[in-house]
Protein backbone atom coordinates (compact mmCIF):
# COMPACT_ATOMS: atom_id res chain seq x y z
CA UNK A 1 41.62 16.92 -16.73
CA UNK A 2 41.24 13.69 -14.58
CA UNK A 3 37.86 13.83 -12.72
CA UNK A 4 38.33 13.02 -8.98
CA UNK A 5 36.35 10.40 -6.70
CA UNK A 6 34.55 13.28 -5.27
CA UNK A 7 33.16 14.96 -8.45
CA UNK A 8 32.15 11.59 -9.82
CA UNK A 9 30.25 11.00 -6.52
CA UNK A 10 28.75 14.56 -6.54
CA UNK A 11 27.53 13.89 -10.11
CA UNK A 12 26.03 10.75 -9.21
CA UNK A 13 24.08 12.11 -5.94
CA UNK A 14 22.82 14.96 -7.96
CA UNK A 15 21.59 12.40 -10.53
CA UNK A 16 19.78 10.48 -7.93
CA UNK A 17 18.28 13.50 -6.32
CA UNK A 18 16.07 14.05 -9.86
CA UNK A 19 15.23 10.56 -9.73
CA UNK A 20 17.72 8.96 -12.34
CA UNK A 21 19.02 6.45 -10.19
CA UNK A 22 20.31 4.06 -12.68
CA UNK A 23 22.72 7.06 -13.99
CA UNK A 24 23.39 7.68 -10.37
CA UNK A 25 24.85 4.14 -9.63
CA UNK A 26 26.84 4.70 -12.90
CA UNK A 27 28.71 7.65 -11.53
CA UNK A 28 28.86 6.06 -8.09
CA UNK A 29 30.78 3.03 -9.53
CA UNK A 30 33.03 4.98 -11.38
CA UNK A 31 33.93 6.65 -8.38
CA UNK A 32 34.94 4.01 -6.49
CA UNK A 33 36.94 2.85 -9.58
CA UNK A 34 38.93 5.88 -9.27
CA UNK A 35 39.21 5.77 -5.50
CA UNK A 36 39.90 7.72 -2.66
CA UNK A 37 41.72 8.00 0.61
CA UNK A 38 39.03 9.69 2.00
CA UNK A 39 37.28 7.02 4.18
CA UNK A 40 34.34 9.58 4.94
CA UNK A 41 33.64 10.11 1.21
CA UNK A 42 33.99 6.38 0.50
CA UNK A 43 31.60 5.54 3.17
CA UNK A 44 28.94 8.14 1.81
CA UNK A 45 29.57 6.47 -1.82
CA UNK A 46 28.79 3.22 -0.23
CA UNK A 47 25.60 4.61 1.25
CA UNK A 48 24.64 6.51 -1.50
CA UNK A 49 24.84 3.38 -3.40
CA UNK A 50 22.91 1.14 -1.43
CA UNK A 51 20.52 4.08 -1.42
CA UNK A 52 19.90 4.18 -5.37
CA UNK A 53 19.79 0.54 -5.63
CA UNK A 54 17.00 0.23 -3.07
CA UNK A 55 15.29 2.83 -5.28
CA UNK A 56 15.79 0.33 -8.37
CA UNK A 57 14.46 -2.41 -6.20
CA UNK A 58 17.47 -4.10 -6.46
CA UNK A 59 17.90 -5.19 -2.52
CA UNK A 60 20.78 -7.69 -3.23
CA UNK A 61 22.75 -4.99 -4.18
CA UNK A 62 21.69 -2.25 -1.70
CA UNK A 63 22.18 -4.97 1.17
CA UNK A 64 25.81 -5.19 -0.19
CA UNK A 65 26.76 -1.79 -0.29
CA UNK A 66 25.06 -0.84 3.07
CA UNK A 67 26.90 -3.65 4.57
CA UNK A 68 30.17 -2.22 3.17
CA UNK A 69 29.51 1.46 4.61
CA UNK A 70 28.52 -0.41 8.11
CA UNK A 71 32.03 -2.08 8.03
CA UNK A 72 34.06 0.90 7.32
CA UNK A 73 32.30 3.16 9.69
CA UNK A 74 33.29 0.89 12.17
CA UNK A 75 36.75 0.30 10.83
CA UNK A 76 37.13 4.27 11.24
CA UNK A 77 34.62 4.92 14.69
CA UNK A 78 32.15 7.06 13.04
CA UNK A 79 29.69 6.19 15.53
CA UNK A 80 27.02 8.48 13.71
CA UNK A 81 27.85 6.72 10.27
CA UNK A 82 27.35 3.38 11.91
CA UNK A 83 23.87 4.51 13.30
CA UNK A 84 23.10 5.66 9.70
CA UNK A 85 24.26 2.35 8.08
CA UNK A 86 22.68 0.31 10.83
CA UNK A 87 19.20 2.10 9.64
CA UNK A 88 19.94 1.77 5.91
CA UNK A 89 20.52 -1.91 6.53
CA UNK A 90 17.45 -2.54 8.80
CA UNK A 91 15.43 -1.03 5.90
CA UNK A 92 16.66 -3.13 3.31
CA UNK A 93 16.22 -6.28 5.52
CA UNK A 94 12.73 -5.32 6.29
CA UNK A 95 11.90 -5.48 2.32
CA UNK A 96 14.00 -8.87 1.90
CA UNK A 97 11.75 -10.21 4.79
CA UNK A 98 14.30 -10.71 7.18
CA UNK A 99 12.79 -9.32 10.07
CA UNK A 100 14.68 -10.56 13.15
CA UNK A 101 17.75 -9.39 10.99
CA UNK A 102 16.30 -5.94 10.59
CA UNK A 103 15.25 -5.50 14.22
CA UNK A 104 18.65 -6.21 15.00
CA UNK A 105 19.86 -3.08 12.98
CA UNK A 106 16.92 -1.10 14.18
CA UNK A 107 18.19 -1.74 17.88
CA UNK A 108 21.94 -0.66 16.92
CA UNK A 109 20.64 2.63 15.24
CA UNK A 110 18.54 3.56 18.36
CA UNK A 111 21.42 2.54 20.72
CA UNK A 112 23.88 4.47 19.11
CA UNK A 113 21.38 7.56 18.73
CA UNK A 114 20.68 7.43 22.54
CA UNK A 115 24.47 7.60 23.09
CA UNK A 116 25.04 10.39 21.13
CA UNK A 117 21.82 11.93 22.49
CA UNK A 118 20.21 12.51 18.72
CA UNK A 119 16.90 13.00 18.84
CA UNK A 120 16.49 13.12 15.12
CA UNK A 121 18.16 9.66 14.80
CA UNK A 122 16.47 8.26 17.57
CA UNK A 123 12.65 9.34 15.95
CA UNK A 124 14.07 7.81 12.92
CA UNK A 125 15.17 4.54 14.39
CA UNK A 126 11.75 4.39 16.27
CA UNK A 127 10.03 4.79 12.86
CA UNK A 128 12.09 2.04 11.37
CA UNK A 129 11.09 -0.27 14.14
CA UNK A 130 7.55 0.35 13.27
CA UNK A 131 7.82 -0.13 10.01
CA UNK A 132 9.60 -3.60 10.41
CA UNK A 133 6.73 -4.91 12.80
CA UNK A 134 4.10 -3.73 10.78
CA UNK A 135 5.70 -5.09 7.67
CA UNK A 136 6.06 -8.52 9.58
CA UNK A 137 2.66 -8.74 10.68
CA UNK A 138 1.38 -7.96 7.09
CA UNK A 139 3.26 -10.76 5.89
CA UNK A 140 2.05 -13.36 7.82
CA UNK A 141 -0.52 -15.46 6.04
CA UNK A 142 -4.06 -14.61 7.60
CA UNK A 143 -6.63 -15.14 4.66
CA UNK A 144 -10.38 -14.80 5.69
CA UNK A 145 -9.59 -12.86 8.61
CA UNK A 146 -10.77 -9.47 9.60
CA UNK A 147 -8.73 -7.03 11.21
CA UNK A 148 -8.61 -7.29 15.10
CA UNK A 149 -9.13 -11.03 14.55
CA UNK A 150 -5.77 -12.01 13.48
CA UNK A 151 -3.53 -15.02 14.71
CA UNK A 152 -1.72 -13.54 17.77
CA UNK A 153 1.47 -13.51 15.91
CA UNK A 154 0.54 -11.25 13.47
CA UNK A 155 -1.49 -9.32 16.72
CA UNK A 156 1.65 -9.08 18.54
CA UNK A 157 4.05 -7.68 15.72
CA UNK A 158 1.11 -5.32 14.87
CA UNK A 159 1.07 -4.37 18.88
CA UNK A 160 4.42 -3.31 18.84
CA UNK A 161 4.42 -1.62 15.76
CA UNK A 162 1.84 0.68 17.32
CA UNK A 163 4.13 1.14 20.16
CA UNK A 164 7.34 2.17 18.11
CA UNK A 165 5.08 4.51 16.45
CA UNK A 166 3.57 6.19 19.00
CA UNK A 167 7.09 6.93 20.54
CA UNK A 168 8.02 7.93 17.39
CA UNK A 169 5.21 10.35 17.16
CA UNK A 170 5.90 11.88 21.09
CA UNK A 171 9.75 12.68 19.83
CA UNK A 172 8.64 14.21 15.93
CA UNK A 173 6.09 16.28 17.71
CA UNK A 174 8.55 17.19 20.47
CA UNK A 175 11.07 18.04 17.47
CA UNK A 176 7.95 20.14 15.94
CA UNK A 177 8.91 17.76 12.44
CA UNK A 178 5.29 18.18 11.12
CA UNK A 179 6.13 16.11 8.06
CA UNK A 180 7.25 13.05 10.04
CA UNK A 181 4.13 13.61 12.47
CA UNK A 182 2.04 13.43 9.06
CA UNK A 183 4.02 10.06 7.90
CA UNK A 184 3.94 8.42 11.41
CA UNK A 185 0.12 9.55 11.69
CA UNK A 186 -0.64 7.48 8.41
CA UNK A 187 1.31 4.24 9.32
CA UNK A 188 -0.27 4.50 13.03
CA UNK A 189 -3.77 4.70 11.47
CA UNK A 190 -2.82 1.73 8.94
CA UNK A 191 -1.58 -0.25 12.17
CA UNK A 192 -4.73 0.43 14.32
CA UNK A 193 -6.83 -0.75 11.63
CA UNK A 194 -5.65 -3.66 11.18
CA UNK A 195 -5.69 -4.46 14.94
CA UNK A 196 -9.25 -3.58 14.52
CA UNK A 197 -8.91 -0.29 16.72
CA UNK A 198 -10.87 1.32 14.21
CA UNK A 199 -11.97 4.69 16.18
CA UNK A 200 -8.34 5.09 16.82
CA UNK A 201 -7.71 4.43 13.21
CA UNK A 202 -9.63 7.19 12.27
CA UNK A 203 -8.12 9.80 14.61
CA UNK A 204 -4.58 9.14 13.33
CA UNK A 205 -5.92 9.60 9.79
CA UNK A 206 -7.72 12.89 10.29
CA UNK A 207 -4.73 13.85 11.84
CA UNK A 208 -2.62 12.21 8.66
CA UNK A 209 -5.48 14.44 6.78
CA UNK A 210 -4.98 17.72 8.43
CA UNK A 211 -1.26 17.61 7.81
CA UNK A 212 -1.68 16.60 4.16
CA UNK A 213 -3.57 19.52 3.62
CA UNK A 214 -0.94 21.81 5.35
CA UNK A 215 1.80 20.57 2.94
CA UNK A 216 -0.62 20.72 0.18
CA UNK A 217 0.33 17.42 -0.71
CA UNK A 218 -2.79 15.86 -2.45
CA UNK A 219 -1.29 12.01 -3.06
CA UNK A 220 -1.16 11.91 0.83
CA UNK A 221 -4.47 13.40 1.19
CA UNK A 222 -6.18 10.82 -0.91
CA UNK A 223 -4.72 7.87 0.84
CA UNK A 224 -5.88 9.57 4.07
CA UNK A 225 -9.43 9.69 2.66
CA UNK A 226 -9.02 6.20 1.25
CA UNK A 227 -8.00 4.87 4.91
CA UNK A 228 -10.60 6.65 6.41
CA UNK A 229 -13.47 5.03 4.22
CA UNK A 230 -12.01 2.19 5.15
CA UNK A 231 -12.37 2.69 8.90
CA UNK A 232 -15.47 3.84 8.59
CA UNK A 233 -16.64 0.63 6.73
CA UNK A 234 -16.06 -1.30 9.90
CA UNK A 235 -17.25 1.14 12.09
CA UNK A 236 -20.98 0.71 10.18
CA UNK A 237 -20.96 4.07 8.86
CA UNK A 238 -21.47 3.28 5.69
CA UNK A 239 -22.58 6.40 4.56
CA UNK A 240 -19.69 8.54 6.18
CA UNK A 241 -17.39 5.92 4.52
CA UNK A 242 -19.15 6.73 0.94
CA UNK A 243 -18.16 10.30 1.31
CA UNK A 244 -14.68 10.01 2.05
CA UNK A 245 -14.18 7.55 -0.94
CA UNK A 246 -16.18 10.39 -2.89
CA UNK A 247 -12.63 12.43 -1.95
CA UNK A 248 -10.79 9.83 -2.59
CA UNK A 249 -12.26 9.62 -6.46
CA UNK A 250 -12.35 13.73 -6.53
CA UNK A 251 -8.19 13.51 -5.79
CA UNK A 252 -7.25 10.79 -7.84
CA UNK A 253 -9.24 12.22 -10.91
CA UNK A 254 -6.95 15.32 -9.97
CA UNK A 255 -3.98 13.19 -9.98
CA UNK A 256 -4.75 11.75 -13.37
CA UNK A 257 -4.29 8.42 -11.43
CA UNK A 258 -6.51 5.62 -13.24
CA UNK A 259 -5.53 2.64 -11.08
CA UNK A 260 -6.55 4.58 -7.77
CA UNK A 261 -9.74 6.24 -9.75
CA UNK A 262 -10.56 2.66 -10.10
CA UNK A 263 -9.97 1.45 -6.74
CA UNK A 264 -12.34 4.02 -5.57
CA UNK A 265 -15.31 3.38 -7.73
CA UNK A 266 -14.88 -0.19 -6.61
CA UNK A 267 -14.90 0.97 -3.03
CA UNK A 268 -17.84 3.29 -3.85
CA UNK A 269 -19.58 0.08 -5.50
CA UNK A 270 -19.34 -2.08 -2.54
CA UNK A 271 -20.12 0.54 -0.06
CA UNK A 272 -23.53 1.13 -1.93
CA UNK A 273 -23.87 -2.60 -2.01
CA UNK A 274 -23.52 -2.37 1.64
CA UNK A 275 -26.07 0.43 1.95
CA UNK A 276 -28.31 -1.74 -0.38
CA UNK A 277 -28.71 1.41 -3.01
CA UNK A 278 -28.00 -1.00 -5.96
CA UNK A 279 -28.45 1.13 -8.82
CA UNK A 280 -26.01 3.42 -7.49
CA UNK A 281 -23.70 0.35 -6.64
CA UNK A 282 -24.28 -0.54 -10.42
CA UNK A 283 -23.15 2.83 -11.62
CA UNK A 284 -19.71 2.95 -9.76
CA UNK A 285 -19.11 -0.78 -10.76
CA UNK A 286 -19.89 -0.11 -14.32
CA UNK A 287 -17.05 2.98 -13.95
CA UNK A 288 -14.56 0.67 -12.36
CA UNK A 289 -14.91 -2.12 -15.29
CA UNK A 290 -14.75 0.64 -17.81
CA UNK A 291 -11.40 1.73 -16.21
CA UNK A 292 -10.20 -1.69 -15.45
CA UNK A 293 -10.76 -2.59 -19.53
CA UNK A 294 -8.45 0.65 -20.21
CA UNK A 295 -5.78 -0.56 -18.00
CA UNK A 296 -6.00 -4.14 -19.37
CA UNK A 297 -6.51 -5.09 -15.43
CA UNK A 298 -8.28 -8.32 -16.13
CA UNK A 299 -8.38 -9.53 -12.18
CA UNK A 300 -10.12 -6.08 -11.77
CA UNK A 301 -12.40 -6.78 -14.70
CA UNK A 302 -13.50 -9.95 -12.92
CA UNK A 303 -14.06 -8.08 -9.44
CA UNK A 304 -16.12 -5.87 -11.46
CA UNK A 305 -18.25 -8.39 -13.12
CA UNK A 306 -18.62 -10.00 -9.98
CA UNK A 307 -19.80 -7.49 -8.28
CA UNK A 308 -22.16 -6.04 -11.02
CA UNK A 309 -23.69 -9.93 -11.05
CA UNK A 310 -24.39 -9.65 -7.24
CA UNK A 311 -26.11 -5.93 -7.83
CA UNK A 312 -28.05 -7.05 -10.40
CA UNK A 313 -29.18 -10.34 -8.82
CA UNK A 314 -30.47 -8.13 -5.80
CA UNK A 315 -32.33 -6.07 -8.13
CA UNK A 316 -34.11 -9.25 -9.89
CA UNK A 317 -31.91 -8.34 -13.26
CA UNK A 318 -31.37 -12.32 -13.75
CA UNK A 319 -30.40 -11.84 -17.40
CA UNK A 320 -28.23 -9.06 -16.91
CA UNK A 321 -26.85 -10.89 -13.84
CA UNK A 322 -25.91 -13.92 -16.09
CA UNK A 323 -24.28 -11.67 -18.82
CA UNK A 324 -22.00 -10.57 -15.62
CA UNK A 325 -21.49 -14.03 -14.35
CA UNK A 326 -20.64 -15.80 -17.26
CA UNK A 327 -17.98 -12.80 -17.71
CA UNK A 328 -16.60 -13.25 -14.40
CA UNK A 329 -15.99 -17.18 -14.90
CA UNK A 330 -14.77 -16.56 -18.40
CA UNK A 331 -12.13 -14.16 -16.82
CA UNK A 332 -11.50 -16.43 -13.82
CA UNK A 333 -10.42 -19.36 -15.94
CA UNK A 334 -8.09 -17.05 -17.78
CA UNK A 335 -6.39 -15.31 -14.73
CA UNK A 336 -5.99 -19.00 -13.10
CA UNK A 337 -8.05 -17.74 -10.11
CA UNK A 338 -9.51 -21.09 -8.79
CA UNK A 339 -11.01 -19.79 -5.81
CA UNK A 340 -12.89 -17.11 -8.05
CA UNK A 341 -14.02 -19.60 -10.53
CA UNK A 342 -15.69 -21.95 -7.84
CA UNK A 343 -17.49 -18.81 -6.76
CA UNK A 344 -18.69 -17.96 -10.51
CA UNK A 345 -19.69 -21.50 -11.41
CA UNK A 346 -21.97 -21.73 -8.46
CA UNK A 347 -23.32 -18.07 -9.53
CA UNK A 348 -23.97 -19.40 -12.96
CA UNK A 349 -25.34 -22.29 -11.86
CA UNK A 350 -27.91 -20.67 -8.97
CA UNK A 351 -28.89 -18.27 -12.16
CA UNK A 352 -29.68 -21.09 -14.38
CA UNK A 353 -31.90 -22.55 -11.86
CA UNK A 354 -33.98 -19.22 -11.53
CA UNK A 355 -33.94 -18.60 -15.14
CA UNK A 356 -34.73 -22.05 -15.53
CA UNK A 357 -32.38 -22.42 -18.59
CA UNK A 358 -29.90 -25.23 -19.93
CA UNK A 359 -26.17 -24.15 -20.46
CA UNK A 360 -27.04 -23.70 -23.98
CA UNK A 361 -29.84 -21.07 -23.30
CA UNK A 362 -27.86 -19.17 -20.40
CA UNK A 363 -25.24 -18.55 -23.15
CA UNK A 364 -27.69 -16.69 -25.22
CA UNK A 365 -29.10 -14.92 -22.21
CA UNK A 366 -25.34 -13.74 -21.33
CA UNK A 367 -24.91 -12.31 -24.73
CA UNK A 368 -28.35 -10.13 -24.50
CA UNK A 369 -27.72 -8.71 -21.00
CA UNK A 370 -30.07 -5.66 -21.63
CA UNK A 371 -33.03 -7.91 -22.04
CA UNK A 372 -35.44 -7.99 -18.38
CA UNK A 373 -37.53 -11.19 -17.54
CA UNK A 374 -40.91 -10.21 -16.56
CA UNK A 375 -41.28 -12.71 -14.13
CA UNK A 376 -38.08 -11.75 -12.36
CA UNK A 377 -39.09 -8.12 -11.70
CA UNK A 378 -38.82 -8.33 -7.82
CA UNK A 379 -35.71 -9.70 -6.04
CA UNK A 380 -36.51 -12.04 -3.55
CA UNK A 381 -34.32 -13.08 -0.58
CA UNK A 382 -34.83 -16.72 -0.71
CA UNK A 383 -33.95 -16.83 -4.57
CA UNK A 384 -30.60 -18.98 -4.88
CA UNK A 385 -29.09 -16.59 -6.74
CA UNK A 386 -28.88 -14.19 -3.86
CA UNK A 387 -26.85 -16.73 -1.58
CA UNK A 388 -23.59 -14.95 -2.84
CA UNK A 389 -24.80 -11.85 -2.37
CA UNK A 390 -26.13 -12.49 0.95
CA UNK A 391 -22.73 -13.92 1.94
CA UNK A 392 -20.61 -11.19 0.14
CA UNK A 393 -20.04 -8.68 2.68
CA UNK A 394 -17.09 -10.92 4.19
CA UNK A 395 -15.44 -10.69 0.50
CA UNK A 396 -16.29 -6.88 0.25
CA UNK A 397 -14.88 -6.26 3.81
CA UNK A 398 -11.69 -8.30 3.20
CA UNK A 399 -10.74 -6.69 -0.21
CA UNK A 400 -10.97 -3.49 1.50
CA UNK A 401 -8.76 -4.53 4.04
CA UNK A 402 -6.29 -5.98 1.44
CA UNK A 403 -6.28 -2.75 -0.21
CA UNK A 404 -5.64 -0.11 2.45
CA UNK A 405 -3.06 2.08 1.81
CA UNK A 406 0.66 0.77 2.27
CA UNK A 407 2.86 2.04 5.18
CA UNK A 408 4.51 5.47 3.19
CA UNK A 409 8.15 4.74 2.75
CA UNK A 410 10.99 6.36 4.37
CA UNK A 411 12.30 9.70 3.21
CA UNK A 412 15.93 8.98 1.65
CA UNK A 413 18.14 12.13 1.10
CA UNK A 414 20.66 12.26 -1.43
CA UNK A 415 22.88 15.19 0.27
CA UNK A 416 25.80 13.33 1.92
CA UNK A 417 28.49 13.72 -0.39
CA UNK A 418 27.60 17.79 -0.75
CA UNK A 419 28.75 17.57 2.97
CA UNK A 420 31.87 16.08 2.25
CA UNK A 421 33.15 19.15 0.34
CA UNK A 422 35.87 21.25 1.67
CA UNK A 423 34.41 24.93 1.64
CA UNK A 424 36.43 27.88 -0.46
CA UNK A 425 38.96 29.34 1.63
CA UNK A 426 39.70 26.80 4.39
């Protein structure tokens, strides 16, 4: 028996619902080959193909099919379909970095939703607007700057993102959509963090945490704890930050997410460095180093070695500091990190001066990190080896900024084609 276009498309939709997007695409494309006279069904297939390619990170293909959907919905006068297609196009253009085009799509989505008095559609359009401006702000180069001190172009985009998230939040609260409230609170918190509004960031992330717990969403809970830790770092409340990072670490272990576990250990090591509790900092940086090695994360290993070198220098363990400084230099050369290599060379040079070593002698020291020099048992603030440590706060804070949790993705539900089925007995 010949399989119909709709039957093939329904199977594609089912496969996408369970995360098998590649197989889903095959069924959708087979459905298009069979063809249909039902333009609503064809529109749904175009939309779902765009969604599937989006999940497969093939954004050019996603753009192609969302454009087909937009053209078709306009042709048949389907305003609700046009609104959804505009929203999908906006999301795809955002990922491709075409922010101005994405804004136009979001505006069309919002205009239609308002014309139709569709509050759910309005909320989604406002949320997408926020995501576009948030992504635009983050995409602009801001190397070396701290949150709240970015160029005006960045700050302007982030302020717009916050405005749209606030408008969305007001609407989803009216709609009593707790899941949407959680997502928006997380994104709003990240935006306030980048704007330097750390108290507002804390308030938003506390709300995000509360809602994550309501839903038993441990991944979202973990992100909220991490983001709260980052905000408290900038508020100078390092002990509070450490407690939040510990909860992040605990949840990362429960979720068996080794990469996040490594990041949590690194954040804790940095926090205890800021608290000048160097022994505890070393403990967490060693944990980070071990996981980074297990994951073959050479950049992570380099960061861990740099941090361990600084902490050991602060304690006067210059032989161990030399070991990690040499290792940091080796990794920076391997990964092509020119800035890191310069820092590592300066560190090695400073430690050679402290230890009174030649280059060949320093190699022997670095291979025997356990030996402590008696004359270096105390850490002095004027030691040249401490210069990078004293100025390390900026690097620590920059790293925390760069590793703030990303804005959470939109929810794409593959259920459009099910709605195209004709009920039995009709």
